[in-house]
Amino acid sequence: MTTPRELVVVDGRVLLRACSLYKGHACAVIEQHHVAPRSWWIAAGKPINTPLAAICPNCHYSTHAGIDGLIAGRDVSALPPRCVALARQGLALAAAHGLTPAPTL
């Protein structure tokens, strides 16, 4: 299952939208992504119960890199701080709901 994508077109002109993490990240396609990855919920046999974040592709993959880096105990300081914060939020949600975090990339 993919997350919904939306292209905003006004008067025949494609408009850029701002990423919810960094307003300077203007992108034609912003996607809704689960803060605690879907795969963790599915692996636990639980209904998906996580907020969504409207983020650009760069922040999406940086957040996944943050999740995987944190799981492995790696230094994630070179990643964008808000992406690391979102990764930490996903891990906190996993702990609160009894999910087992697993690498996402």
C-alpha atoms as a PDB file:
ATOM      1  CA  MET A   1       0.000   0.000   0.000  1.00  0.00           C
ATOM      2  CA  THR A   2       1.360   3.389  -0.961  1.00  0.00           C
ATOM      3  CA  THR A   3       0.610   6.629   0.783  1.00  0.00           C
ATOM      4  CA  PRO A   4      -1.550   9.189  -1.016  1.00  0.00           C
ATOM      5  CA  ARG A   5       0.213  11.626  -3.310  1.00  0.00           C
ATOM      6  CA  GLU A   6      -1.255  14.877  -4.424  1.00  0.00           C
ATOM      7  CA  LEU A   7      -0.167  17.163  -7.228  1.00  0.00           C
ATOM      8  CA  VAL A   8      -1.532  20.670  -6.788  1.00  0.00           C
ATOM      9  CA  VAL A   9      -2.428  22.370 -10.068  1.00  0.00           C
ATOM     10  CA  VAL A  10      -4.025  25.817 -10.226  1.00  0.00           C
ATOM     11  CA  ASP A  11      -4.927  27.388 -13.562  1.00  0.00           C
ATOM     12  CA  GLY A  12      -2.796  24.786 -15.343  1.00  0.00           C
ATOM     13  CA  ARG A  13       0.262  25.565 -13.211  1.00  0.00           C
ATOM     14  CA  VAL A  14       1.889  22.972 -10.932  1.00  0.00           C
ATOM     15  CA  LEU A  15       2.454  24.496  -7.503  1.00  0.00           C
ATOM     16  CA  LEU A  16       5.150  23.567  -5.026  1.00  0.00           C
ATOM     17  CA  ARG A  17       4.198  22.641  -1.471  1.00  0.00           C
ATOM     18  CA  ALA A  18       6.247  22.989   1.705  1.00  0.00           C
ATOM     19  CA  CYS A  19       7.517  20.011   3.661  1.00  0.00           C
ATOM     20  CA  SER A  20       6.105  19.943   7.195  1.00  0.00           C
ATOM     21  CA  LEU A  21       9.604  19.521   8.666  1.00  0.00           C
ATOM     22  CA  TYR A  22      11.434  22.243   6.745  1.00  0.00           C
ATOM     23  CA  LYS A  23       9.365  24.950   5.072  1.00  0.00           C
ATOM     24  CA  GLY A  24      12.278  25.685   2.729  1.00  0.00           C
ATOM     25  CA  HIS A  25      11.878  22.233   1.198  1.00  0.00           C
ATOM     26  CA  ALA A  26       9.465  23.064  -1.581  1.00  0.00           C
ATOM     27  CA  CYS A  27       8.451  20.058  -3.604  1.00  0.00           C
ATOM     28  CA  ALA A  28       5.818  19.282  -6.228  1.00  0.00           C
ATOM     29  CA  VAL A  29       4.835  16.065  -4.440  1.00  0.00           C
ATOM     30  CA  ILE A  30       4.499  15.837  -0.666  1.00  0.00           C
ATOM     31  CA  GLU A  31       3.549  12.454   0.735  1.00  0.00           C
ATOM     32  CA  GLN A  32       1.889  11.380   3.958  1.00  0.00           C
ATOM     33  CA  HIS A  33       4.124   8.930   5.816  1.00  0.00           C
ATOM     34  CA  HIS A  34       3.520   6.957   9.002  1.00  0.00           C
ATOM     35  CA  VAL A  35       5.635   8.249  11.890  1.00  0.00           C
ATOM     36  CA  ALA A  36       5.988   4.691  13.254  1.00  0.00           C
ATOM     37  CA  PRO A  37       6.480   2.599  10.099  1.00  0.00           C
ATOM     38  CA  ARG A  38       3.584   0.435   8.898  1.00  0.00           C
ATOM     39  CA  SER A  39       5.847  -2.610   8.764  1.00  0.00           C
ATOM     40  CA  TRP A  40       6.308  -2.530  12.552  1.00  0.00           C
ATOM     41  CA  TRP A  41       2.547  -2.574  13.136  1.00  0.00           C
ATOM     42  CA  ILE A  42       2.038  -5.356  10.624  1.00  0.00           C
ATOM     43  CA  ALA A  43       4.860  -7.440  12.157  1.00  0.00           C
ATOM     44  CA  ALA A  44       3.213  -7.041  15.582  1.00  0.00           C
ATOM     45  CA  GLY A  45      -0.200  -8.034  14.187  1.00  0.00           C
ATOM     46  CA  LYS A  46      -1.665  -4.743  15.400  1.00  0.00           C
ATOM     47  CA  PRO A  47      -3.844  -2.208  13.607  1.00  0.00           C
ATOM     48  CA  ILE A  48      -1.854   0.761  12.348  1.00  0.00           C
ATOM     49  CA  ASN A  49      -2.229   3.529  14.918  1.00  0.00           C
ATOM     50  CA  THR A  50       0.295   6.234  14.155  1.00  0.00           C
ATOM     51  CA  PRO A  51       0.126   9.863  13.083  1.00  0.00           C
ATOM     52  CA  LEU A  52       1.094  10.815   9.552  1.00  0.00           C
ATOM     53  CA  ALA A  53       3.712  13.382   8.570  1.00  0.00           C
ATOM     54  CA  ALA A  54       3.474  15.360   5.312  1.00  0.00           C
ATOM     55  CA  ILE A  55       7.085  15.376   4.175  1.00  0.00           C
ATOM     56  CA  CYS A  56       9.211  15.775   1.059  1.00  0.00           C
ATOM     57  CA  PRO A  57      11.162  12.846  -0.405  1.00  0.00           C
ATOM     58  CA  ASN A  58      14.468  14.081   1.063  1.00  0.00           C
ATOM     59  CA  CYS A  59      13.089  14.266   4.591  1.00  0.00           C
ATOM     60  CA  HIS A  60      11.334  10.922   4.111  1.00  0.00           C
ATOM     61  CA  TYR A  61      14.559   9.079   3.327  1.00  0.00           C
ATOM     62  CA  SER A  62      16.594  11.025   5.881  1.00  0.00           C
ATOM     63  CA  THR A  63      14.061   9.981   8.519  1.00  0.00           C
ATOM     64  CA  HIS A  64      14.382   6.340   7.460  1.00  0.00           C
ATOM     65  CA  ALA A  65      18.182   6.703   7.673  1.00  0.00           C
ATOM     66  CA  GLY A  66      17.700   8.161  11.158  1.00  0.00           C
ATOM     67  CA  ILE A  67      15.477   5.279  12.258  1.00  0.00           C
ATOM     68  CA  ASP A  68      17.932   2.684  10.985  1.00  0.00           C
ATOM     69  CA  GLY A  69      20.918   4.539  12.426  1.00  0.00           C
ATOM     70  CA  LEU A  70      19.316   4.867  15.853  1.00  0.00           C
ATOM     71  CA  ILE A  71      18.324   1.189  15.886  1.00  0.00           C
ATOM     72  CA  ALA A  72      21.934   0.254  15.090  1.00  0.00           C
ATOM     73  CA  GLY A  73      23.362   2.712  17.651  1.00  0.00           C
ATOM     74  CA  ARG A  74      25.088   4.805  15.005  1.00  0.00           C
ATOM     75  CA  ASP A  75      25.939   8.499  15.063  1.00  0.00           C
ATOM     76  CA  VAL A  76      23.115  10.280  13.215  1.00  0.00           C
ATOM     77  CA  SER A  77      24.350  13.831  13.855  1.00  0.00           C
ATOM     78  CA  ALA A  78      25.001  14.481  10.137  1.00  0.00           C
ATOM     79  CA  LEU A  79      21.307  13.962   9.326  1.00  0.00           C
ATOM     80  CA  PRO A  80      18.843  16.870   9.389  1.00  0.00           C
ATOM     81  CA  PRO A  81      17.873  17.400  13.058  1.00  0.00           C
ATOM     82  CA  ARG A  82      14.114  17.455  12.433  1.00  0.00           C
ATOM     83  CA  CYS A  83      14.355  14.157  10.553  1.00  0.00           C
ATOM     84  CA  VAL A  84      16.203  12.628  13.506  1.00  0.00           C
ATOM     85  CA  ALA A  85      13.529  14.022  15.843  1.00  0.00           C
ATOM     86  CA  LEU A  86      10.828  12.399  13.697  1.00  0.00           C
ATOM     87  CA  ALA A  87      12.783   9.119  13.767  1.00  0.00           C
ATOM     88  CA  ARG A  88      12.964   9.332  17.577  1.00  0.00           C
ATOM     89  CA  GLN A  89       9.222  10.002  17.683  1.00  0.00           C
ATOM     90  CA  GLY A  90       8.634   6.841  15.637  1.00  0.00           C
ATOM     91  CA  LEU A  91      10.790   4.809  18.024  1.00  0.00           C
ATOM     92  CA  ALA A  92       8.962   6.270  21.021  1.00  0.00           C
ATOM     93  CA  LEU A  93       5.616   5.314  19.478  1.00  0.00           C
ATOM     94  CA  ALA A  94       6.953   1.799  18.913  1.00  0.00           C
ATOM     95  CA  ALA A  95       7.946   1.509  22.573  1.00  0.00           C
ATOM     96  CA  ALA A  96       4.596   2.875  23.754  1.00  0.00           C
ATOM     97  CA  HIS A  97       2.671   0.339  21.645  1.00  0.00           C
ATOM     98  CA  GLY A  98       4.839  -2.725  22.157  1.00  0.00           C
ATOM     99  CA  LEU A  99       6.237  -2.780  18.625  1.00  0.00           C
ATOM    100  CA  THR A 100       9.653  -4.151  17.722  1.00  0.00           C
ATOM    101  CA  PRO A 101      11.553  -1.623  15.604  1.00  0.00           C
ATOM    102  CA  ALA A 102      13.317  -3.149  12.612  1.00  0.00           C
ATOM    103  CA  PRO A 103      15.448  -1.531   9.898  1.00  0.00           C
ATOM    104  CA  THR A 104      13.400   0.260   7.270  1.00  0.00           C
ATOM    105  CA  LEU A 105      15.868   0.625   4.376  1.00  0.00           C
END
